[in-house]
PDB file of N, CA and C in Angstrom:
ATOM      1  N   MET A   1      25.925 -38.347   5.231  1.00  0.00           N
ATOM      2  CA  MET A   1      25.178 -38.222   3.718  1.00  0.00           C
ATOM      3  C   MET A   1      23.999 -38.253   4.267  1.00  0.00           C
ATOM      4  N   ASN A   2      23.693 -38.776   5.347  1.00  0.00           N
ATOM      5  CA  ASN A   2      21.992 -38.812   5.794  1.00  0.00           C
ATOM      6  C   ASN A   2      21.668 -37.343   6.473  1.00  0.00           C
ATOM      7  N   THR A   3      22.125 -36.459   6.155  1.00  0.00           N
ATOM      8  CA  THR A   3      21.876 -34.803   6.884  1.00  0.00           C
ATOM      9  C   THR A   3      20.022 -34.309   6.630  1.00  0.00           C
ATOM     10  N   PRO A   4      19.423 -34.422   7.987  1.00  0.00           N
ATOM     11  CA  PRO A   4      18.329 -34.037   7.413  1.00  0.00           C
ATOM     12  C   PRO A   4      18.375 -32.335   6.376  1.00  0.00           C
ATOM     13  N   TYR A   5      16.965 -32.486   5.860  1.00  0.00           N
ATOM     14  CA  TYR A   5      16.815 -31.525   5.351  1.00  0.00           C
ATOM     15  C   TYR A   5      16.182 -30.160   6.415  1.00  0.00           C
ATOM     16  N   PRO A   6      16.980 -29.236   5.658  1.00  0.00           N
ATOM     17  CA  PRO A   6      16.446 -27.478   6.701  1.00  0.00           C
ATOM     18  C   PRO A   6      14.846 -27.395   6.915  1.00  0.00           C
ATOM     19  N   PRO A   7      14.017 -26.774   7.633  1.00  0.00           N
ATOM     20  CA  PRO A   7      12.821 -26.818   7.969  1.00  0.00           C
ATOM     21  C   PRO A   7      12.249 -25.758   6.545  1.00  0.00           C
ATOM     22  N   PRO A   8      11.241 -25.996   6.221  1.00  0.00           N
ATOM     23  CA  PRO A   8      10.748 -25.240   5.372  1.00  0.00           C
ATOM     24  C   PRO A   8      10.839 -23.557   5.402  1.00  0.00           C
ATOM     25  N   PRO A   9      10.848 -22.656   4.733  1.00  0.00           N
ATOM     26  CA  PRO A   9      10.713 -21.450   5.568  1.00  0.00           C
ATOM     27  C   PRO A   9       8.755 -20.800   5.615  1.00  0.00           C
ATOM     28  N   PRO A  10       8.805 -19.884   7.006  1.00  0.00           N
ATOM     29  CA  PRO A  10       7.429 -19.547   6.937  1.00  0.00           C
ATOM     30  C   PRO A  10       6.851 -19.100   5.582  1.00  0.00           C
ATOM     31  N   PRO A  11       5.493 -19.213   6.099  1.00  0.00           N
ATOM     32  CA  PRO A  11       4.612 -18.673   4.679  1.00  0.00           C
ATOM     33  C   PRO A  11       4.759 -17.452   5.098  1.00  0.00           C
ATOM     34  N   PRO A  12       4.938 -16.952   4.265  1.00  0.00           N
ATOM     35  CA  PRO A  12       4.846 -14.893   4.028  1.00  0.00           C
ATOM     36  C   PRO A  12       2.925 -14.851   4.406  1.00  0.00           C
ATOM     37  N   ALA A  13       3.519 -13.819   5.121  1.00  0.00           N
ATOM     38  CA  ALA A  13       2.255 -13.118   5.783  1.00  0.00           C
ATOM     39  C   ALA A  13       1.049 -12.831   4.589  1.00  0.00           C
ATOM     40  N   ALA A  14       0.342 -12.884   4.571  1.00  0.00           N
ATOM     41  CA  ALA A  14      -1.287 -12.227   3.906  1.00  0.00           C
ATOM     42  C   ALA A  14      -1.247 -10.686   3.427  1.00  0.00           C
ATOM     43  N   ALA A  15      -0.394 -11.103   2.755  1.00  0.00           N
ATOM     44  CA  ALA A  15       0.032  -9.339   1.896  1.00  0.00           C
ATOM     45  C   ALA A  15      -1.433  -8.858   1.384  1.00  0.00           C
ATOM     46  N   GLY A  16      -2.435  -9.664   1.249  1.00  0.00           N
ATOM     47  CA  GLY A  16      -3.139  -9.406   0.610  1.00  0.00           C
ATOM     48  C   GLY A  16      -4.591  -8.582   1.386  1.00  0.00           C
ATOM     49  N   ARG A  17      -4.770  -9.059   2.603  1.00  0.00           N
ATOM     50  CA  ARG A  17      -5.484  -8.623   3.656  1.00  0.00           C
ATOM     51  C   ARG A  17      -4.943  -7.009   4.355  1.00  0.00           C
ATOM     52  N   ASP A  18      -3.515  -6.938   4.069  1.00  0.00           N
ATOM     53  CA  ASP A  18      -2.727  -5.779   4.799  1.00  0.00           C
ATOM     54  C   ASP A  18      -3.531  -4.133   4.149  1.00  0.00           C
ATOM     55  N   ARG A  19      -4.589  -3.546   5.013  1.00  0.00           N
ATOM     56  CA  ARG A  19      -5.574  -2.550   4.447  1.00  0.00           C
ATOM     57  C   ARG A  19      -4.635  -1.106   5.461  1.00  0.00           C
ATOM     58  N   THR A  20      -3.981  -1.378   5.986  1.00  0.00           N
ATOM     59  CA  THR A  20      -3.506  -0.147   6.254  1.00  0.00           C
ATOM     60  C   THR A  20      -3.928   1.217   5.654  1.00  0.00           C
ATOM     61  N   THR A  21      -2.777   0.839   4.703  1.00  0.00           N
ATOM     62  CA  THR A  21      -2.669   2.515   4.006  1.00  0.00           C
ATOM     63  C   THR A  21      -4.946   2.712   3.420  1.00  0.00           C
ATOM     64  N   LEU A  22      -5.535   1.920   2.996  1.00  0.00           N
ATOM     65  CA  LEU A  22      -6.715   1.970   2.659  1.00  0.00           C
ATOM     66  C   LEU A  22      -7.222   2.215   3.875  1.00  0.00           C
ATOM     67  N   TRP A  23      -7.645   1.950   4.832  1.00  0.00           N
ATOM     68  CA  TRP A  23      -8.122   2.372   6.001  1.00  0.00           C
ATOM     69  C   TRP A  23      -7.655   4.240   6.425  1.00  0.00           C
ATOM     70  N   GLY A  24      -6.520   4.336   6.819  1.00  0.00           N
ATOM     71  CA  GLY A  24      -5.555   5.618   6.839  1.00  0.00           C
ATOM     72  C   GLY A  24      -5.892   6.481   6.114  1.00  0.00           C
ATOM     73  N   VAL A  25      -6.166   6.547   4.532  1.00  0.00           N
ATOM     74  CA  VAL A  25      -6.264   7.248   3.317  1.00  0.00           C
ATOM     75  C   VAL A  25      -8.256   7.632   3.694  1.00  0.00           C
ATOM     76  N   LEU A  26      -8.984   6.670   3.435  1.00  0.00           N
ATOM     77  CA  LEU A  26     -10.496   6.868   4.290  1.00  0.00           C
ATOM     78  C   LEU A  26     -11.263   7.547   5.507  1.00  0.00           C
ATOM     79  N   GLY A  27      -9.936   7.383   6.227  1.00  0.00           N
ATOM     80  CA  GLY A  27      -9.969   8.011   7.438  1.00  0.00           C
ATOM     81  C   GLY A  27     -10.014   9.840   7.357  1.00  0.00           C
ATOM     82  N   ILE A  28      -8.795   9.700   6.904  1.00  0.00           N
ATOM     83  CA  ILE A  28      -8.308  10.991   6.396  1.00  0.00           C
ATOM     84  C   ILE A  28      -9.150  11.715   5.671  1.00  0.00           C
ATOM     85  N   VAL A  29      -9.661  11.227   4.309  1.00  0.00           N
ATOM     86  CA  VAL A  29     -10.626  11.897   3.605  1.00  0.00           C
ATOM     87  C   VAL A  29     -12.001  12.143   3.959  1.00  0.00           C
ATOM     88  N   LEU A  30     -12.031  10.750   5.226  1.00  0.00           N
ATOM     89  CA  LEU A  30     -13.776  11.175   5.379  1.00  0.00           C
ATOM     90  C   LEU A  30     -13.858  12.058   6.767  1.00  0.00           C
ATOM     91  N   GLY A  31     -12.722  12.529   7.341  1.00  0.00           N
ATOM     92  CA  GLY A  31     -12.300  12.754   8.764  1.00  0.00           C
ATOM     93  C   GLY A  31     -12.574  14.346   8.118  1.00  0.00           C
ATOM     94  N   LEU A  32     -11.885  14.873   6.801  1.00  0.00           N
ATOM     95  CA  LEU A  32     -11.573  16.081   6.793  1.00  0.00           C
ATOM     96  C   LEU A  32     -13.100  16.268   6.043  1.00  0.00           C
ATOM     97  N   LEU A  33     -13.125  15.850   5.099  1.00  0.00           N
ATOM     98  CA  LEU A  33     -14.544  16.292   4.627  1.00  0.00           C
ATOM     99  C   LEU A  33     -16.063  16.387   5.372  1.00  0.00           C
ATOM    100  N   CYS A  34     -16.432  15.114   5.670  1.00  0.00           N
ATOM    101  CA  CYS A  34     -17.831  15.199   6.255  1.00  0.00           C
ATOM    102  C   CYS A  34     -17.932  14.362   7.542  1.00  0.00           C
ATOM    103  N   CYS A  35     -17.434  13.614   7.875  1.00  0.00           N
ATOM    104  CA  CYS A  35     -17.672  12.406   8.903  1.00  0.00           C
ATOM    105  C   CYS A  35     -16.413  12.072   9.518  1.00  0.00           C
ATOM    106  N   GLY A  36     -16.407  13.155  10.955  1.00  0.00           N
ATOM    107  CA  GLY A  36     -15.503  13.115  11.768  1.00  0.00           C
ATOM    108  C   GLY A  36     -15.427  11.586  12.740  1.00  0.00           C
ATOM    109  N   ILE A  37     -17.074  11.138  12.710  1.00  0.00           N
ATOM    110  CA  ILE A  37     -17.090   9.733  13.298  1.00  0.00           C
ATOM    111  C   ILE A  37     -16.343   8.855  12.473  1.00  0.00           C
ATOM    112  N   LEU A  38     -16.533   8.736  11.198  1.00  0.00           N
ATOM    113  CA  LEU A  38     -15.762   7.832  10.412  1.00  0.00           C
ATOM    114  C   LEU A  38     -14.389   7.866  10.409  1.00  0.00           C
ATOM    115  N   GLY A  39     -13.751   8.856  10.427  1.00  0.00           N
ATOM    116  CA  GLY A  39     -12.762   9.473  10.369  1.00  0.00           C
ATOM    117  C   GLY A  39     -11.769   8.764  11.413  1.00  0.00           C
ATOM    118  N   ILE A  40     -12.281   8.990  12.833  1.00  0.00           N
ATOM    119  CA  ILE A  40     -11.912   8.135  13.860  1.00  0.00           C
ATOM    120  C   ILE A  40     -11.803   6.371  13.854  1.00  0.00           C
ATOM    121  N   ILE A  41     -12.956   5.794  13.134  1.00  0.00           N
ATOM    122  CA  ILE A  41     -13.216   4.951  12.877  1.00  0.00           C
ATOM    123  C   ILE A  41     -12.335   4.163  12.445  1.00  0.00           C
ATOM    124  N   PHE A  42     -12.160   4.403  10.894  1.00  0.00           N
ATOM    125  CA  PHE A  42     -11.305   4.107   9.908  1.00  0.00           C
ATOM    126  C   PHE A  42      -9.814   4.412  10.672  1.00  0.00           C
ATOM    127  N   GLY A  43      -9.492   5.397  11.343  1.00  0.00           N
ATOM    128  CA  GLY A  43      -7.695   5.495  11.572  1.00  0.00           C
ATOM    129  C   GLY A  43      -7.699   4.621  12.964  1.00  0.00           C
ATOM    130  N   TYR A  44      -8.606   4.398  13.544  1.00  0.00           N
ATOM    131  CA  TYR A  44      -8.690   3.328  14.782  1.00  0.00           C
ATOM    132  C   TYR A  44      -8.094   1.856  13.775  1.00  0.00           C
ATOM    133  N   LEU A  45      -9.090   1.506  12.773  1.00  0.00           N
ATOM    134  CA  LEU A  45      -8.998   0.724  12.288  1.00  0.00           C
ATOM    135  C   LEU A  45      -7.533   0.319  11.318  1.00  0.00           C
ATOM    136  N   SER A  46      -7.150   1.607  10.908  1.00  0.00           N
ATOM    137  CA  SER A  46      -5.355   1.399  10.313  1.00  0.00           C
ATOM    138  C   SER A  46      -4.463   1.352  11.489  1.00  0.00           C
ATOM    139  N   ILE A  47      -4.853   1.496  12.309  1.00  0.00           N
ATOM    140  CA  ILE A  47      -3.461   1.733  13.740  1.00  0.00           C
ATOM    141  C   ILE A  47      -3.586   0.181  13.720  1.00  0.00           C
ATOM    142  N   ARG A  48      -4.730  -0.524  13.943  1.00  0.00           N
ATOM    143  CA  ARG A  48      -4.745  -1.764  14.363  1.00  0.00           C
ATOM    144  C   ARG A  48      -4.549  -2.910  13.048  1.00  0.00           C
ATOM    145  N   ASP A  49      -4.279  -2.453  11.713  1.00  0.00           N
ATOM    146  CA  ASP A  49      -3.798  -3.059  11.156  1.00  0.00           C
ATOM    147  C   ASP A  49      -1.726  -2.946  10.834  1.00  0.00           C
ATOM    148  N   ALA A  50      -1.814  -2.095  11.322  1.00  0.00           N
ATOM    149  CA  ALA A  50      -0.509  -1.434  10.852  1.00  0.00           C
ATOM    150  C   ALA A  50       0.355  -2.464  11.925  1.00  0.00           C
ATOM    151  N   ARG A  51      -0.637  -2.445  13.265  1.00  0.00           N
ATOM    152  CA  ARG A  51       0.731  -3.041  14.123  1.00  0.00           C
ATOM    153  C   ARG A  51       0.586  -4.691  13.759  1.00  0.00           C
ATOM    154  N   ARG A  52      -0.614  -5.115  13.146  1.00  0.00           N
ATOM    155  CA  ARG A  52      -0.694  -6.245  13.040  1.00  0.00           C
ATOM    156  C   ARG A  52       0.302  -7.102  11.881  1.00  0.00           C
ATOM    157  N   TYR A  53       1.044  -6.033  10.905  1.00  0.00           N
ATOM    158  CA  TYR A  53       1.820  -6.641   9.996  1.00  0.00           C
ATOM    159  C   TYR A  53       3.149  -5.305   9.954  1.00  0.00           C
ATOM    160  N   GLY A  54       3.256  -4.668  11.545  1.00  0.00           N
ATOM    161  CA  GLY A  54       4.552  -4.083  11.225  1.00  0.00           C
ATOM    162  C   GLY A  54       4.786  -2.608  10.032  1.00  0.00           C
ATOM    163  N   LYS A  55       3.471  -2.300   9.824  1.00  0.00           N
ATOM    164  CA  LYS A  55       3.480  -0.801   9.853  1.00  0.00           C
ATOM    165  C   LYS A  55       3.646   0.511  10.352  1.00  0.00           C
ATOM    166  N   SER A  56       3.867   1.712   9.636  1.00  0.00           N
ATOM    167  CA  SER A  56       3.949   2.774  10.169  1.00  0.00           C
ATOM    168  C   SER A  56       2.397   3.080  10.798  1.00  0.00           C
ATOM    169  N   PRO A  57       1.431   3.369  11.613  1.00  0.00           N
ATOM    170  CA  PRO A  57       0.020   3.738  12.183  1.00  0.00           C
ATOM    171  C   PRO A  57       0.099   5.242  11.493  1.00  0.00           C
ATOM    172  N   VAL A  58       0.782   6.394  11.082  1.00  0.00           N
ATOM    173  CA  VAL A  58       1.362   7.545  10.867  1.00  0.00           C
ATOM    174  C   VAL A  58      -0.232   7.823  10.670  1.00  0.00           C
ATOM    175  N   LEU A  59      -0.817   7.291   9.656  1.00  0.00           N
ATOM    176  CA  LEU A  59      -1.790   7.824   8.547  1.00  0.00           C
ATOM    177  C   LEU A  59      -3.106   7.293   9.411  1.00  0.00           C
ATOM    178  N   GLY A  60      -3.000   6.115  10.557  1.00  0.00           N
ATOM    179  CA  GLY A  60      -4.199   6.048  11.405  1.00  0.00           C
ATOM    180  C   GLY A  60      -4.465   7.186  12.435  1.00  0.00           C
ATOM    181  N   TYR A  61      -2.752   7.642  12.813  1.00  0.00           N
ATOM    182  CA  TYR A  61      -3.301   8.478  13.864  1.00  0.00           C
ATOM    183  C   TYR A  61      -3.902   9.986  13.350  1.00  0.00           C
ATOM    184  N   LEU A  62      -3.118  10.243  11.798  1.00  0.00           N
ATOM    185  CA  LEU A  62      -3.890  11.730  11.468  1.00  0.00           C
ATOM    186  C   LEU A  62      -5.157  11.258  11.507  1.00  0.00           C
ATOM    187  N   ALA A  63      -5.658  10.372  10.738  1.00  0.00           N
ATOM    188  CA  ALA A  63      -7.258   9.933  10.394  1.00  0.00           C
ATOM    189  C   ALA A  63      -7.862  10.175  11.827  1.00  0.00           C
ATOM    190  N   ILE A  64      -7.474   9.740  12.828  1.00  0.00           N
ATOM    191  CA  ILE A  64      -8.320  10.103  14.274  1.00  0.00           C
ATOM    192  C   ILE A  64      -8.107  11.825  14.399  1.00  0.00           C
ATOM    193  N   ALA A  65      -7.131  12.130  14.668  1.00  0.00           N
ATOM    194  CA  ALA A  65      -6.359  13.510  14.766  1.00  0.00           C
ATOM    195  C   ALA A  65      -7.568  14.560  13.578  1.00  0.00           C
ATOM    196  N   PHE A  66      -7.913  14.256  12.599  1.00  0.00           N
ATOM    197  CA  PHE A  66      -8.632  15.095  11.703  1.00  0.00           C
ATOM    198  C   PHE A  66     -10.199  15.324  11.941  1.00  0.00           C
ATOM    199  N   GLY A  67     -10.486  13.523  12.451  1.00  0.00           N
ATOM    200  CA  GLY A  67     -11.819  13.098  12.848  1.00  0.00           C
ATOM    201  C   GLY A  67     -12.083  14.263  14.350  1.00  0.00           C
ATOM    202  N   VAL A  68     -11.472  14.451  14.866  1.00  0.00           N
ATOM    203  CA  VAL A  68     -11.921  14.667  16.170  1.00  0.00           C
ATOM    204  C   VAL A  68     -11.928  16.419  15.845  1.00  0.00           C
ATOM    205  N   ILE A  69     -10.565  17.183  15.291  1.00  0.00           N
ATOM    206  CA  ILE A  69     -11.218  18.510  14.556  1.00  0.00           C
ATOM    207  C   ILE A  69     -12.252  18.134  14.094  1.00  0.00           C
ATOM    208  N   ASN A  70     -12.691  17.502  13.140  1.00  0.00           N
ATOM    209  CA  ASN A  70     -13.862  17.885  12.293  1.00  0.00           C
ATOM    210  C   ASN A  70     -15.280  18.009  13.327  1.00  0.00           C
ATOM    211  N   ILE A  71     -14.999  16.744  14.640  1.00  0.00           N
ATOM    212  CA  ILE A  71     -16.115  16.732  15.794  1.00  0.00           C
ATOM    213  C   ILE A  71     -16.058  18.114  16.354  1.00  0.00           C
ATOM    214  N   ILE A  72     -14.844  18.716  16.634  1.00  0.00           N
ATOM    215  CA  ILE A  72     -14.869  19.949  17.577  1.00  0.00           C
ATOM    216  C   ILE A  72     -15.054  21.485  16.433  1.00  0.00           C
ATOM    217  N   ALA A  73     -14.612  21.313  15.569  1.00  0.00           N
ATOM    218  CA  ALA A  73     -15.511  22.263  14.341  1.00  0.00           C
ATOM    219  C   ALA A  73     -16.642  22.264  14.401  1.00  0.00           C
ATOM    220  N   GLY A  74     -17.351  21.462  14.000  1.00  0.00           N
ATOM    221  CA  GLY A  74     -18.708  21.155  14.024  1.00  0.00           C
ATOM    222  C   GLY A  74     -19.452  21.628  14.669  1.00  0.00           C
ATOM    223  N   ALA A  75     -18.817  21.168  16.053  1.00  0.00           N
ATOM    224  CA  ALA A  75     -20.037  21.955  16.869  1.00  0.00           C
ATOM    225  C   ALA A  75     -20.000  23.300  17.682  1.00  0.00           C
ATOM    226  N   ILE A  76     -18.430  23.703  16.993  1.00  0.00           N
ATOM    227  CA  ILE A  76     -18.238  25.263  17.663  1.00  0.00           C
ATOM    228  C   ILE A  76     -18.983  25.830  16.529  1.00  0.00           C
ATOM    229  N   LEU A  77     -19.138  25.554  15.077  1.00  0.00           N
ATOM    230  CA  LEU A  77     -19.866  26.015  14.636  1.00  0.00           C
ATOM    231  C   LEU A  77     -21.328  26.305  14.675  1.00  0.00           C
ATOM    232  N   ARG A  78     -21.942  25.152  14.959  1.00  0.00           N
ATOM    233  CA  ARG A  78     -22.863  24.857  15.446  1.00  0.00           C
ATOM    234  C   ARG A  78     -23.516  25.859  16.596  1.00  0.00           C
ATOM    235  N   SER A  79     -22.546  25.817  17.759  1.00  0.00           N
ATOM    236  CA  SER A  79     -22.945  26.461  18.551  1.00  0.00           C
ATOM    237  C   SER A  79     -23.215  27.948  18.464  1.00  0.00           C
ATOM    238  N   THR A  80     -22.325  28.167  17.282  1.00  0.00           N
ATOM    239  CA  THR A  80     -22.288  29.593  16.814  1.00  0.00           C
ATOM    240  C   THR A  80     -22.906  30.386  15.866  1.00  0.00           C
ATOM    241  N   GLY A  81     -23.740  29.246  15.152  1.00  0.00           N
ATOM    242  CA  GLY A  81     -24.901  29.633  14.640  1.00  0.00           C
ATOM    243  C   GLY A  81     -24.499  29.917  13.237  1.00  0.00           C
ATOM    244  N   ASN A  82     -22.849  29.675  13.013  1.00  0.00           N
ATOM    245  CA  ASN A  82     -22.455  29.991  11.605  1.00  0.00           C
ATOM    246  C   ASN A  82     -22.165  28.318  10.769  1.00  0.00           C
ATOM    247  N   HIS A  83     -23.042  27.746  11.081  1.00  0.00           N
ATOM    248  CA  HIS A  83     -22.624  26.578  10.625  1.00  0.00           C
ATOM    249  C   HIS A  83     -23.295  26.285   9.139  1.00  0.00           C
ATOM    250  N   PRO A  84     -22.911  26.182   8.077  1.00  0.00           N
ATOM    251  CA  PRO A  84     -23.845  26.794   6.518  1.00  0.00           C
ATOM    252  C   PRO A  84     -25.377  25.244   6.463  1.00  0.00           C
ATOM    253  N   PHE A  85     -25.093  24.204   7.248  1.00  0.00           N
ATOM    254  CA  PHE A  85     -26.528  23.630   7.248  1.00  0.00           C
ATOM    255  C   PHE A  85     -27.854  23.830   8.188  1.00  0.00           C
ATOM    256  N   TYR A  86     -27.361  24.644   8.926  1.00  0.00           N
ATOM    257  CA  TYR A  86     -28.072  24.953  10.395  1.00  0.00           C
ATOM    258  C   TYR A  86     -28.453  26.467  10.248  1.00  0.00           C
ATOM    259  N   ARG A  87     -28.698  27.323   9.274  1.00  0.00           N
ATOM    260  CA  ARG A  87     -28.781  28.567   9.326  1.00  0.00           C
ATOM    261  C   ARG A  87     -30.634  28.609   9.499  1.00  0.00           C
TER     262      ARG A  87
END
């Protein structure tokens, strides 16, 4: 009758601070449209949060890839003189 109580369950992870999807989507959109550097930064933040909360880091990898593609394409367009903002 004097059995000890089981230990309390661990507290739930801070679900409100999980911004994996937010960083990934922001990185993809900004990486595709305008700012390759911001796409890479937000992709890194998405991968970091995905590892922290045990989620898939695919959005972060896509954001980094699109950011790098944006930077490379912009450099090629600027070097050939076909960039619409540098005529």
